[in-house]
Protein backbone atom coordinates (compact mmCIF):
# COMPACT_ATOMS: atom_id res chain seq x y z
CA MET A 1 36.87 25.52 17.59
CA GLU A 2 40.43 24.39 17.20
CA GLN A 3 42.57 27.03 15.50
CA MET A 4 44.82 25.34 12.96
CA SER A 5 47.64 26.66 10.83
CA ASN A 6 47.03 24.15 8.05
CA SER A 7 44.95 21.13 7.19
CA SER A 8 47.69 18.65 8.17
CA SER A 9 47.09 19.65 11.81
CA ILE A 10 43.44 18.61 11.67
CA THR A 11 42.70 15.06 12.74
CA GLN A 12 38.94 15.44 13.03
CA PHE A 13 36.06 17.75 12.19
CA LEU A 14 33.15 18.78 14.37
CA LEU A 15 29.76 18.41 12.71
CA LEU A 16 26.77 20.63 13.45
CA PRO A 17 24.38 19.01 15.96
CA PHE A 18 20.65 19.25 15.31
CA THR A 19 20.09 20.27 18.90
CA ASP A 20 21.89 20.48 22.24
CA THR A 21 18.95 19.05 24.18
CA ARG A 22 19.49 15.40 25.00
CA GLU A 23 15.82 14.43 24.67
CA LEU A 24 15.59 16.04 21.21
CA GLN A 25 18.83 14.33 20.17
CA LEU A 26 17.25 10.96 20.94
CA LEU A 27 14.09 12.01 19.11
CA HIS A 28 16.19 12.87 16.04
CA PHE A 29 17.89 9.48 16.29
CA TRP A 30 14.60 7.56 16.26
CA LEU A 31 13.15 9.74 13.51
CA PHE A 32 16.17 9.26 11.26
CA LEU A 33 16.28 5.55 12.08
CA GLY A 34 12.70 5.22 10.85
CA ILE A 35 13.48 7.14 7.64
CA TYR A 36 16.63 5.08 7.08
CA LEU A 37 14.88 1.76 7.56
CA ALA A 38 12.07 2.86 5.22
CA ALA A 39 14.64 3.80 2.56
CA LEU A 40 16.44 0.46 3.00
CA LEU A 41 13.19 -1.48 2.76
CA GLY A 42 11.77 0.42 -0.21
CA ASN A 43 14.91 0.43 -2.32
CA GLY A 44 15.77 -3.12 -1.27
CA LEU A 45 12.37 -4.38 -2.44
CA ILE A 46 12.73 -2.63 -5.80
CA ILE A 47 16.24 -4.07 -6.31
CA THR A 48 15.05 -7.57 -5.39
CA ALA A 49 11.94 -7.36 -7.56
CA ILE A 50 13.86 -6.23 -10.63
CA ALA A 51 16.67 -8.73 -10.10
CA TRP A 52 14.39 -11.76 -9.68
CA ASP A 53 11.43 -11.03 -11.98
CA HIS A 54 12.44 -11.73 -15.59
CA HIS A 55 9.52 -9.60 -16.83
CA LEU A 56 11.38 -6.57 -15.47
CA HIS A 57 14.64 -7.31 -17.27
CA THR A 58 14.22 -4.33 -19.59
CA PRO A 59 16.32 -1.15 -20.02
CA MET A 60 13.89 0.98 -17.99
CA TYR A 61 14.03 -1.33 -14.97
CA PHE A 62 17.77 -1.92 -15.37
CA PHE A 63 18.32 1.82 -14.95
CA LEU A 64 15.81 1.92 -12.07
CA LEU A 65 17.76 -0.84 -10.31
CA ASN A 66 20.93 1.24 -10.60
CA LEU A 67 19.06 4.27 -9.28
CA SER A 68 17.87 2.32 -6.23
CA VAL A 69 21.43 1.14 -5.52
CA LEU A 70 22.60 4.76 -5.70
CA ASP A 71 19.79 5.86 -3.36
CA LEU A 72 20.83 3.23 -0.82
CA GLY A 73 24.44 4.36 -1.02
CA SER A 74 23.52 8.04 -0.85
CA ILE A 75 21.42 7.84 2.31
CA SER A 76 23.93 5.44 3.90
CA THR A 77 26.74 7.96 3.40
CA THR A 78 25.28 10.71 5.60
CA LEU A 79 22.48 9.45 7.82
CA PRO A 80 24.14 6.67 9.89
CA LYS A 81 26.89 9.02 11.11
CA ALA A 82 24.32 11.70 12.00
CA MET A 83 22.29 9.06 13.85
CA ALA A 84 25.36 7.83 15.75
CA ASN A 85 26.30 11.38 16.76
CA SER A 86 22.77 12.03 18.05
CA LEU A 87 22.70 8.73 19.94
CA TRP A 88 26.12 9.14 21.55
CA ASN A 89 25.91 12.93 22.01
CA THR A 90 29.04 13.68 20.01
CA ARG A 91 29.96 15.88 17.03
CA ALA A 92 33.25 14.36 15.92
CA ILE A 93 34.08 12.80 12.55
CA SER A 94 37.61 11.80 11.59
CA TYR A 95 39.51 13.61 8.83
CA SER A 96 39.46 10.47 6.66
CA GLY A 97 35.78 9.90 7.47
CA CYS A 98 34.97 13.43 6.35
CA ALA A 99 36.93 12.95 3.11
CA ALA A 100 35.07 9.67 2.52
CA GLN A 101 31.72 11.42 3.01
CA VAL A 102 32.63 14.13 0.49
CA PHE A 103 33.80 11.53 -2.03
CA PHE A 104 30.72 9.32 -1.78
CA VAL A 105 28.27 12.24 -1.77
CA PHE A 106 29.74 13.56 -5.04
CA PHE A 107 30.13 10.07 -6.49
CA LEU A 108 26.60 8.88 -5.77
CA ILE A 109 24.74 12.13 -6.45
CA GLY A 110 26.70 12.70 -9.67
CA ALA A 111 26.00 9.17 -10.88
CA GLU A 112 22.32 9.49 -9.87
CA PHE A 113 21.90 12.65 -11.93
CA SER A 114 23.49 10.83 -14.88
CA PHE A 115 21.05 7.93 -14.52
CA LEU A 116 18.08 10.30 -14.30
CA THR A 117 19.25 11.82 -17.59
CA ILE A 118 19.67 8.38 -19.16
CA MET A 119 16.19 7.37 -17.97
CA ALA A 120 14.73 10.45 -19.66
CA TYR A 121 16.45 9.37 -22.87
CA ASP A 122 15.07 5.85 -22.40
CA ARG A 123 11.50 7.16 -22.11
CA TYR A 124 12.06 9.49 -25.09
CA VAL A 125 13.15 6.62 -27.33
CA ALA A 126 10.39 4.29 -26.05
CA ILE A 127 7.60 6.77 -26.79
CA CYS A 128 8.92 8.94 -29.63
CA LYS A 129 11.00 6.34 -31.53
CA PRO A 130 9.55 2.95 -30.53
CA LEU A 131 10.67 1.20 -33.73
CA HIS A 132 14.31 2.04 -32.92
CA TYR A 133 14.12 1.14 -29.22
CA GLY A 134 15.81 -2.27 -29.56
CA THR A 135 18.63 -0.76 -31.61
CA LEU A 136 19.30 2.36 -29.56
CA LEU A 137 18.83 0.70 -26.17
CA GLY A 138 20.12 -2.82 -26.63
CA SER A 139 21.86 -4.71 -23.82
CA ARG A 140 25.33 -3.52 -24.81
CA ALA A 141 24.23 0.11 -25.11
CA CYS A 142 22.57 -0.02 -21.68
CA VAL A 143 25.68 -1.48 -20.06
CA HIS A 144 27.87 1.16 -21.72
CA MET A 145 25.61 4.00 -20.55
CA ALA A 146 25.51 2.60 -17.01
CA ALA A 147 29.29 2.21 -16.95
CA ALA A 148 29.68 5.80 -18.19
CA ALA A 149 27.36 7.05 -15.42
CA TRP A 150 29.22 5.18 -12.68
CA GLY A 151 32.63 6.08 -14.11
CA GLY A 152 31.70 9.72 -14.57
CA GLY A 153 30.45 9.92 -10.99
CA PHE A 154 33.70 8.36 -9.73
CA LEU A 155 35.92 10.81 -11.63
CA HIS A 156 33.69 13.72 -10.60
CA ALA A 157 33.98 12.72 -6.93
CA LEU A 158 37.74 12.10 -7.14
CA LEU A 159 38.34 15.53 -8.64
CA HIS A 160 36.28 17.39 -6.03
CA THR A 161 37.62 15.41 -3.07
CA ALA A 162 41.25 15.88 -4.10
CA SER A 163 40.68 19.58 -4.72
CA THR A 164 38.83 20.19 -1.45
CA PHE A 165 41.20 18.33 0.85
CA SER A 166 44.33 19.78 -0.72
CA LEU A 167 43.27 23.22 0.54
CA PRO A 168 44.97 24.68 3.62
CA LEU A 169 42.40 25.05 6.39
CA CYS A 170 42.98 27.94 8.79
CA GLN A 171 39.52 28.70 10.17
CA GLY A 172 39.18 25.86 12.66
CA ASN A 173 37.51 22.47 12.22
CA ALA A 174 33.80 23.11 12.92
CA VAL A 175 31.63 22.24 9.90
CA ASP A 176 28.26 24.04 9.93
CA GLN A 177 26.36 21.01 8.64
CA PHE A 178 25.37 17.56 9.93
CA PHE A 179 27.64 15.92 7.34
CA CYS A 180 30.80 17.01 5.52
CA GLU A 181 29.50 19.34 2.83
CA VAL A 182 32.00 21.00 0.49
CA PRO A 183 30.65 24.60 0.73
CA GLN A 184 30.93 24.40 4.52
CA ILE A 185 34.48 23.02 4.34
CA LEU A 186 35.47 25.83 1.97
CA LYS A 187 34.52 28.31 4.70
CA LEU A 188 37.37 26.85 6.77
CA SER A 189 39.99 27.43 4.06
CA CYS A 190 42.54 30.23 3.99
CA SER A 191 41.83 33.44 2.11
CA HIS A 192 41.34 32.96 -1.66
CA SER A 193 42.55 29.34 -1.51
CA TYR A 194 39.01 28.11 -2.07
CA LEU A 195 38.63 29.66 -5.53
CA ARG A 196 39.83 26.57 -7.40
CA GLU A 197 37.24 24.28 -5.80
CA ALA A 198 34.59 26.98 -6.13
CA GLY A 199 35.36 27.06 -9.85
CA LEU A 200 34.94 23.28 -10.04
CA LEU A 201 31.57 23.59 -8.31
CA VAL A 202 30.51 26.12 -10.95
CA VAL A 203 31.58 23.72 -13.72
CA SER A 204 29.60 20.91 -12.05
CA ALA A 205 26.58 23.21 -11.80
CA CYS A 206 26.84 23.99 -15.52
CA LEU A 207 27.00 20.28 -16.39
CA ALA A 208 24.00 19.61 -14.14
CA SER A 209 22.13 22.45 -15.85
CA GLY A 210 22.88 20.88 -19.23
CA CYS A 211 21.46 17.55 -18.05
CA PHE A 212 18.40 19.33 -16.67
CA VAL A 213 17.77 21.09 -20.00
CA PHE A 214 18.14 17.75 -21.83
CA ILE A 215 15.61 16.12 -19.47
CA MET A 216 13.10 18.95 -19.91
CA LEU A 217 13.42 18.97 -23.70
CA SER A 218 13.01 15.19 -23.74
CA TYR A 219 9.79 15.45 -21.77
CA VAL A 220 8.41 18.17 -24.03
CA GLN A 221 8.82 15.74 -26.93
CA ILE A 222 7.49 12.83 -24.85
CA PHE A 223 4.30 14.62 -23.84
CA ARG A 224 3.69 15.83 -27.39
CA ALA A 225 4.04 12.26 -28.67
CA ALA A 226 1.96 10.78 -25.83
CA LEU A 227 -0.93 13.15 -26.47
CA ARG A 228 -1.02 12.01 -30.10
CA ILE A 229 -1.51 8.35 -29.12
CA PRO A 230 -5.04 7.50 -30.31
CA SER A 231 -6.06 5.04 -27.58
CA GLU A 232 -6.72 6.15 -24.01
CA GLN A 233 -5.03 3.00 -22.71
CA GLY A 234 -1.89 3.80 -24.68
CA ARG A 235 -1.77 7.34 -23.34
CA HIS A 236 -2.30 6.06 -19.79
CA LYS A 237 0.56 3.57 -20.13
CA ALA A 238 2.88 6.25 -21.53
CA PHE A 239 2.11 8.67 -18.71
CA SER A 240 2.29 5.95 -16.02
CA THR A 241 5.91 5.19 -16.97
CA CYS A 242 6.95 8.84 -17.38
CA LEU A 243 5.29 10.71 -14.52
CA PRO A 244 7.10 8.83 -11.69
CA HIS A 245 10.46 9.56 -13.31
CA LEU A 246 9.54 13.21 -13.80
CA ALA A 247 8.43 13.43 -10.15
CA VAL A 248 11.76 11.95 -8.98
CA VAL A 249 13.70 14.38 -11.20
CA SER A 250 11.68 17.30 -9.85
CA LEU A 251 12.25 16.26 -6.23
CA PHE A 252 15.97 15.68 -6.78
CA ILE A 253 16.62 18.94 -8.62
CA SER A 254 14.32 21.24 -6.65
CA THR A 255 15.75 20.23 -3.26
CA GLY A 256 19.33 20.50 -4.54
CA MET A 257 18.75 23.89 -6.15
CA PHE A 258 17.06 25.21 -3.01
CA ALA A 259 20.01 24.05 -0.92
CA TYR A 260 22.75 25.55 -3.08
CA LEU A 261 21.05 28.57 -4.70
CA LYS A 262 19.17 30.01 -1.74
CA PRO A 263 20.29 33.53 -0.72
CA HIS A 264 23.03 33.69 1.90
CA SER A 265 20.81 36.00 3.92
CA THR A 266 18.44 33.07 4.55
CA SER A 267 21.17 30.78 5.89
CA SER A 268 20.99 29.90 9.56
CA PRO A 269 22.12 27.07 11.86
CA VAL A 270 18.47 25.94 12.01
CA LEU A 271 17.48 26.22 8.32
CA ASP A 272 20.65 24.84 6.69
CA PRO A 273 20.45 21.32 8.22
CA VAL A 274 16.75 21.12 7.36
CA VAL A 275 17.49 22.03 3.74
CA ALA A 276 20.34 19.48 3.66
CA VAL A 277 17.94 16.78 4.91
CA LEU A 278 15.57 17.66 2.06
CA TYR A 279 18.11 17.03 -0.70
CA SER A 280 20.24 14.28 0.87
CA VAL A 281 17.68 12.22 2.81
CA ALA A 282 14.21 12.85 1.34
CA PRO A 283 14.80 11.66 -2.30
CA PRO A 284 16.27 8.22 -1.42
CA ALA A 285 13.44 7.59 1.04
CA VAL A 286 10.60 8.84 -1.19
CA ASN A 287 11.76 7.56 -4.61
CA PRO A 288 10.65 3.92 -4.08
CA LEU A 289 7.15 5.11 -3.13
CA ILE A 290 6.95 7.37 -6.20
CA TYR A 291 8.03 4.60 -8.57
CA SER A 292 5.71 1.98 -7.13
CA LEU A 293 2.52 4.08 -6.98
CA ARG A 294 1.64 4.17 -10.70
CA ASN A 295 3.70 1.27 -12.04
CA GLN A 296 1.51 -1.81 -12.35
CA GLU A 297 4.35 -4.12 -13.45
CA LEU A 298 6.42 -3.16 -10.42
CA LYS A 299 3.40 -3.58 -8.16
CA GLU A 300 2.87 -7.11 -9.48
CA ALA A 301 6.53 -7.96 -8.93
CA LEU A 302 6.41 -6.57 -5.39
CA LYS A 303 3.24 -8.57 -4.70
CA LYS A 304 5.15 -11.74 -5.53
CA GLN A 305 7.71 -10.79 -2.87
CA ILE A 306 5.10 -9.76 -0.26
CA PRO A 307 2.07 -11.96 -1.06
CA TRP A 308 0.38 -11.20 2.24
CA VAL A 309 0.05 -7.50 1.39
CA PRO A 310 -2.95 -6.77 -0.89
CA LEU A 311 -1.95 -5.11 -4.17
CA GLN A 312 -4.36 -2.20 -3.81
CA GLN A 313 -2.75 -1.10 -0.53
CA ARG A 314 0.60 -0.29 -2.13
C-alpha cells in the first residue's frame, strides 16, 4: 500500500483481486464474461423488442426500456474492469477511472431505483384507477417522470462523487472491493473527514427507504384491487404484469440491503466481493429473464426477433 499524505498524491487505486491464483483468475474472467454477455443479450433484446414493436409503445414498456438501458450501463460500469484485471493479472485503476466508476454506479443505481418506484406507480394506476390511466400516465407525463429519474440520478451521483473525492486520503490507495465502492474509499480518508459523505449516504438511504415504503404500499393496494377482479383471466393478467416487477424490486433491494446493512463482524475479503457481485452484477443479468417469463406480450415481441426459438422455451 502506498502511504499518501493527501489525495492529490494518488494517481491510481488498487482494487481487491478475487484470487491470487492465476488459474482461478482466468476462471473468474470466463465466468464474468458469460454473465456479461448474457446481460447484454437479455437487455439488448428487451430494448430492441420494445423499440420496434408498436404494440409495446405503452407507459409500462417505456419504463421497462429505460430500466434495461440502466441495467446495461450498471453492469458495464463495474464488470469489464474486473474482467480486464483478472485477465491481465493486475489490480490497478486510475484515479479518474475510479471517480468515473463511483459516479456511474450512483447515477445508474439511483436512476434505476427511481424507475422501479415509477413502475410501481404505473401498475397502481393501471389496476386501481384504470379510468384515469390515460390522464395520469399520458405521453408527456411519462417523459417528465423519466427525465426526473435520469436527472435525479445525475445530481445524486454528482453530489456523492464530488463529496467523496474532495476528501483527503491518508490511509493508502488499496480499495477492499473489486470496484470503487464509496464505503471502501471512505476507509482511506483521514480521521473524521469522512463524516460529511457518510451523512450523505444516510440521507440517500432515507430517500431509498421512502421509495421502498411507497412501492410496498402501492402493491398492498394493487393486490387488494386485483383480488376483487371478478374474472380469473383478469386476475391472471393483473398478476402477470405485477409479479415480475415485484420480483425485480425484491432482488434489487434485498441484495443492496444485505451489502450495506450486514454487520461489520461478518465482513471479510472473501465475503464482501461476493456480496458486491450479488447487488451490482446479479440484478442486471437476471432482470430480463424475470420480465420475460410471465409476460406474454414481451414473449411474442421477442419471438418476432428470434423466430427460430420456440415461444414455449423462453
